[in-house]
Amino acid sequence: MKYVYGPVPSRRLGRSLGIDPIPAKTCNFQCIYCQIGKTNYFTNKRRSFYSKEEIISEMKEAIRCSRNEFDYITFVGSGEPTLNKDLKDLILKAKEFSRKPICVITNGALLYDKTVRNDLMLADFVLPSLDAGDEDSFIKINRPHPSIKYNSVIQGFIDFRKSFKGKIWIEIMIMKEINDTKKELLKIKEKIDLIMPDRIDINVPLRPPVVDWVKIPNKEIILTLNEVFKEYKAIIKFPERSIFSIYSTDFEKELLSIIERHPMRESEIFNTFLSSKFSKKDILDRLKKLEANKQIKKIVYNDEVFWKLSILKK
């Protein structure tokens, strides 16, 4: 499928059926920790990137095939999903096809736009990101489109919180020697207090980031995080292991579908594909063949082997 993938395991959402309404790396941020790669299309203008009818048709078929054996329908892409101006109609259709809760994972940048806030009112959960406590850090970490201003983004979060009836879970990406000092964390906490989310998820760069000097902080940071965010009972995530769902035994097709959206640990690939059809040697041989064809490449990050696309589709 082109627009729908999974169900996939999610750190926050159990088994999630993903809807990707955005071309690869179409975004209004160029985050230094992005696991997908460099932004191909840097824009802050909303538009219909694909046929709305095609996305809806795939959603309907995927929900039928999955027999509702997932926990959430999640709008999340290899870009920023709120840039798709058909998002409201897509959420409405997802609600028509399934009673599962609807989640939108977003960088939150467009929450200053009243139209975007109204589109998201139909969701059950909205999961925006907030990695910086001031304008300077915002520019350094998220490298936003020039039309996006930090104070407007924060005000958008606040305005959305006032009117949204669902749950807001904010994710904070913590990186070594970038925003992991107590001073920087307290700045973020000040903004969190203004927004008043239902939950905070604190993450670290688990997969290879686009900028190679982005690193996972030392685990001692957990004490500081607990101290700063204790009233929110923050959920702190260090590296996890996952098994992904696949629709067929077409190894190349299924693997490329997953890693188009994020790199996979080699161990995750084994866990997902090992079967009577594919031995560990079969999987390694297929990975090497895809590497020789320059479709994928191997990366070692944090002493682990990952595989990612060599060139992202535009």
Foldseek 3Di string as FASTA:
>chain_A
DVFWDFLWQDPPFGRETEGAQDAAQAEQWQFQLDQQAGRPHHDDAAERPDPPVVSLVVLLVVCVVCVVPGQEYEYDHSYFRLSHLCLLVSLVSNVVRDVHFYEYEGQQQCLLPPSSLVSCLSGQEYEHEDAWLDQVLCCVGTVGHPVTGDVSSLVSLLVSLVPRPHFYEYEYEDWPPRQLDLVGLLSSLVSCVSNVGLAYEYEYSQHCGNNNVTHGYDPVSVVSVCVNCVVRVYHYDDDDATAIDADDLPLVVRQQVVQLNGKDFLVNSCNHNDDPVAHNVNVVVVLVVCVVVQQWDWDQDPNTIIIHGSDHDD
